[in-house]
C-alpha cells in the first residue's frame, strides 16, 4: 500500500483525500479510474469527489476512496 492509498469498505485500496486534491490542483493530466472507468476529477470536498466519466461525459459524486490512480499509463 502506498501513502496515497487507503483501504475502503470493499477491502481494496483506493485514493486518499490528499492525493485526490493534489490531482485536482495539478496542471498535468493524471489518469484516474472509478471502478475501471476513466474519470476527470472536477472537485474534491470532504471524502467525496465530483468526477466526469470520460467515455460518457456523465458527472457524479463518488467516494474518494473508490478512485484509483492508473499506474499503467493506459486507459
N, C-alpha and C. Protein backbone atom coordinates (compact mmCIF):
# COMPACT_ATOMS: atom_id res chain seq x y z
N UNK A 1 0.84 -1.18 0.00
CA UNK A 1 0.00 0.00 0.00
C UNK A 1 0.88 1.24 0.00
N UNK A 2 0.57 2.19 -0.88
CA UNK A 2 1.31 3.44 -0.93
C UNK A 2 0.68 4.45 0.03
N UNK A 3 1.42 5.49 0.37
CA UNK A 3 0.92 6.52 1.28
C UNK A 3 -0.26 7.28 0.71
N UNK A 4 -0.47 7.21 -0.60
CA UNK A 4 -1.58 7.92 -1.23
C UNK A 4 -2.84 7.07 -1.32
N UNK A 5 -2.83 5.90 -0.70
CA UNK A 5 -3.96 4.98 -0.78
C UNK A 5 -4.53 4.69 0.60
N UNK A 6 -5.81 4.36 0.62
CA UNK A 6 -6.46 3.88 1.84
C UNK A 6 -7.28 2.65 1.49
N UNK A 7 -7.53 1.81 2.48
CA UNK A 7 -8.34 0.62 2.26
C UNK A 7 -9.80 1.01 2.45
N UNK A 8 -10.62 0.77 1.42
CA UNK A 8 -12.03 1.15 1.53
C UNK A 8 -12.87 -0.01 2.06
N UNK A 9 -14.18 0.23 2.15
CA UNK A 9 -15.07 -0.78 2.76
C UNK A 9 -15.17 -2.06 1.95
N UNK A 10 -14.78 -2.05 0.68
CA UNK A 10 -14.81 -3.26 -0.13
C UNK A 10 -13.52 -4.06 -0.01
N UNK A 11 -12.56 -3.52 0.78
CA UNK A 11 -11.34 -4.26 1.03
C UNK A 11 -10.22 -4.02 0.04
N UNK A 12 -10.38 -3.10 -0.89
CA UNK A 12 -9.29 -2.79 -1.80
C UNK A 12 -8.81 -1.38 -1.55
N UNK A 13 -7.66 -1.07 -2.10
CA UNK A 13 -7.00 0.19 -1.80
C UNK A 13 -7.36 1.24 -2.84
N UNK A 14 -7.92 2.34 -2.35
CA UNK A 14 -8.27 3.46 -3.20
C UNK A 14 -7.48 4.70 -2.81
N UNK A 15 -7.82 5.78 -3.43
CA UNK A 15 -7.11 7.04 -3.26
C UNK A 15 -7.48 7.71 -1.94
N UNK A 16 -6.51 8.41 -1.34
CA UNK A 16 -6.84 9.20 -0.16
C UNK A 16 -7.20 10.62 -0.58
N UNK A 17 -7.80 11.38 0.33
CA UNK A 17 -8.30 12.71 0.02
C UNK A 17 -7.17 13.65 -0.41
N UNK A 18 -6.03 13.55 0.26
CA UNK A 18 -4.92 14.44 -0.07
C UNK A 18 -4.44 14.23 -1.51
N UNK A 19 -4.36 12.98 -1.94
CA UNK A 19 -3.91 12.69 -3.31
C UNK A 19 -4.95 13.17 -4.31
N UNK A 20 -6.23 12.97 -4.02
CA UNK A 20 -7.28 13.45 -4.92
C UNK A 20 -7.18 14.96 -5.09
N UNK A 21 -6.92 15.68 -4.00
CA UNK A 21 -6.80 17.13 -4.07
C UNK A 21 -5.56 17.52 -4.87
N UNK A 22 -4.44 16.79 -4.69
CA UNK A 22 -3.23 17.07 -5.47
C UNK A 22 -3.50 16.92 -6.97
N UNK A 23 -4.22 15.87 -7.33
CA UNK A 23 -4.53 15.63 -8.74
C UNK A 23 -5.43 16.75 -9.26
N UNK A 24 -6.44 17.12 -8.49
CA UNK A 24 -7.34 18.20 -8.89
C UNK A 24 -6.57 19.50 -9.10
N UNK A 25 -5.62 19.80 -8.21
CA UNK A 25 -4.85 21.04 -8.28
C UNK A 25 -3.75 21.01 -9.34
N UNK A 26 -3.43 19.84 -9.85
CA UNK A 26 -2.32 19.67 -10.78
C UNK A 26 -2.62 20.30 -12.15
N UNK A 27 -1.57 20.81 -12.77
CA UNK A 27 -1.70 21.31 -14.14
C UNK A 27 -1.50 20.19 -15.15
N UNK A 28 -1.04 19.04 -14.69
CA UNK A 28 -0.81 17.91 -15.58
C UNK A 28 -2.04 17.05 -15.73
N UNK A 29 -1.94 16.08 -16.61
CA UNK A 29 -3.01 15.11 -16.81
C UNK A 29 -2.59 13.84 -16.09
N UNK A 30 -3.37 13.46 -15.08
CA UNK A 30 -3.09 12.26 -14.29
C UNK A 30 -4.27 11.33 -14.46
N UNK A 31 -4.01 10.13 -14.91
CA UNK A 31 -5.07 9.18 -15.20
C UNK A 31 -5.66 8.61 -13.91
N UNK A 32 -6.98 8.76 -13.78
CA UNK A 32 -7.71 8.29 -12.60
C UNK A 32 -8.86 7.42 -13.07
N UNK A 33 -9.11 6.34 -12.34
CA UNK A 33 -10.19 5.42 -12.66
C UNK A 33 -11.19 5.34 -11.51
N UNK A 34 -12.46 5.18 -11.88
CA UNK A 34 -13.51 4.85 -10.91
C UNK A 34 -14.16 3.57 -11.38
N UNK A 35 -13.97 2.52 -10.61
CA UNK A 35 -14.49 1.19 -10.97
C UNK A 35 -14.10 0.79 -12.38
N UNK A 36 -12.86 1.09 -12.74
CA UNK A 36 -12.31 0.69 -14.02
C UNK A 36 -12.55 1.66 -15.16
N UNK A 37 -13.36 2.69 -14.94
CA UNK A 37 -13.68 3.66 -16.00
C UNK A 37 -12.85 4.93 -15.79
N UNK A 38 -12.29 5.49 -16.86
CA UNK A 38 -11.50 6.71 -16.73
C UNK A 38 -12.39 7.90 -16.38
N UNK A 39 -11.93 8.71 -15.41
CA UNK A 39 -12.67 9.88 -14.97
C UNK A 39 -11.75 11.08 -14.85
N UNK A 40 -12.36 12.27 -14.86
CA UNK A 40 -11.67 13.53 -14.61
C UNK A 40 -12.20 14.07 -13.29
N UNK A 41 -11.32 14.38 -12.35
CA UNK A 41 -11.75 14.93 -11.06
C UNK A 41 -12.05 16.41 -11.26
N UNK A 42 -13.30 16.81 -10.97
CA UNK A 42 -13.71 18.20 -11.12
C UNK A 42 -13.74 18.96 -9.80
N UNK A 43 -13.86 18.24 -8.69
CA UNK A 43 -13.89 18.88 -7.37
C UNK A 43 -13.67 17.82 -6.30
N UNK A 44 -13.14 18.26 -5.17
CA UNK A 44 -12.95 17.38 -4.01
C UNK A 44 -13.49 18.12 -2.79
N UNK A 45 -14.40 17.50 -2.06
CA UNK A 45 -14.96 18.09 -0.85
C UNK A 45 -15.16 16.99 0.17
N UNK A 46 -14.47 17.15 1.30
CA UNK A 46 -14.50 16.14 2.35
C UNK A 46 -14.05 14.80 1.77
N UNK A 47 -14.87 13.77 1.86
CA UNK A 47 -14.46 12.46 1.34
C UNK A 47 -15.13 12.13 0.01
N UNK A 48 -15.70 13.15 -0.66
CA UNK A 48 -16.36 12.95 -1.95
C UNK A 48 -15.64 13.71 -3.05
N UNK A 49 -15.65 13.13 -4.25
CA UNK A 49 -15.10 13.79 -5.42
C UNK A 49 -16.20 13.89 -6.48
N UNK A 50 -16.29 15.03 -7.11
CA UNK A 50 -17.15 15.18 -8.28
C UNK A 50 -16.30 14.81 -9.48
N UNK A 51 -16.76 13.82 -10.23
CA UNK A 51 -15.99 13.33 -11.37
C UNK A 51 -16.84 13.36 -12.63
N UNK A 52 -16.14 13.42 -13.78
CA UNK A 52 -16.80 13.30 -15.08
C UNK A 52 -16.22 12.07 -15.75
N UNK A 53 -17.09 11.13 -16.12
CA UNK A 53 -16.64 9.95 -16.86
C UNK A 53 -16.24 10.38 -18.26
N UNK A 54 -15.02 10.02 -18.66
CA UNK A 54 -14.51 10.48 -19.95
C UNK A 54 -15.21 9.81 -21.12
N UNK A 55 -15.75 8.63 -20.93
CA UNK A 55 -16.42 7.92 -22.02
C UNK A 55 -17.82 8.46 -22.29
N UNK A 56 -18.55 8.82 -21.22
CA UNK A 56 -19.95 9.21 -21.38
C UNK A 56 -20.21 10.69 -21.08
N UNK A 57 -19.23 11.38 -20.49
CA UNK A 57 -19.38 12.78 -20.06
C UNK A 57 -20.34 12.94 -18.89
N UNK A 58 -20.83 11.84 -18.33
CA UNK A 58 -21.71 11.89 -17.16
C UNK A 58 -20.92 12.41 -15.96
N UNK A 59 -21.57 13.24 -15.14
CA UNK A 59 -20.97 13.76 -13.91
C UNK A 59 -21.68 13.16 -12.72
N UNK A 60 -20.90 12.85 -11.67
CA UNK A 60 -21.47 12.30 -10.45
C UNK A 60 -20.51 12.51 -9.29
N UNK A 61 -20.99 12.31 -8.08
CA UNK A 61 -20.13 12.35 -6.90
C UNK A 61 -19.86 10.91 -6.47
N UNK A 62 -18.60 10.66 -6.13
CA UNK A 62 -18.20 9.32 -5.69
C UNK A 62 -17.29 9.46 -4.48
N UNK A 63 -17.23 8.42 -3.63
CA UNK A 63 -16.26 8.46 -2.53
C UNK A 63 -14.83 8.50 -3.08
N UNK A 64 -14.01 9.37 -2.52
CA UNK A 64 -12.62 9.46 -2.95
C UNK A 64 -11.92 8.11 -2.86
N UNK A 65 -12.25 7.33 -1.84
CA UNK A 65 -11.62 6.02 -1.65
C UNK A 65 -11.94 5.05 -2.78
N UNK A 66 -12.95 5.36 -3.60
CA UNK A 66 -13.28 4.49 -4.74
C UNK A 66 -12.48 4.84 -5.99
N UNK A 67 -11.66 5.89 -5.92
CA UNK A 67 -10.83 6.29 -7.06
C UNK A 67 -9.46 5.65 -6.96
N UNK A 68 -8.90 5.31 -8.10
CA UNK A 68 -7.53 4.78 -8.14
C UNK A 68 -6.77 5.49 -9.25
N UNK A 69 -5.50 5.72 -8.99
CA UNK A 69 -4.62 6.30 -9.99
C UNK A 69 -4.19 5.19 -10.94
N UNK A 70 -4.34 5.44 -12.23
CA UNK A 70 -3.97 4.45 -13.23
C UNK A 70 -2.47 4.48 -13.42
N UNK A 71 -1.79 3.52 -12.84
CA UNK A 71 -0.32 3.49 -12.87
C UNK A 71 0.22 2.82 -14.13
N UNK A 72 -0.62 2.19 -14.92
CA UNK A 72 -0.16 1.51 -16.12
C UNK A 72 0.06 2.49 -17.26
N UNK A 73 -0.60 3.66 -17.18
CA UNK A 73 -0.47 4.65 -18.24
C UNK A 73 -1.35 4.37 -19.43
N UNK A 74 -2.20 3.34 -19.35
CA UNK A 74 -3.10 3.02 -20.46
C UNK A 74 -4.53 3.06 -19.95
N UNK A 75 -5.37 3.75 -20.67
CA UNK A 75 -6.78 3.81 -20.27
C UNK A 75 -7.38 2.50 -20.60
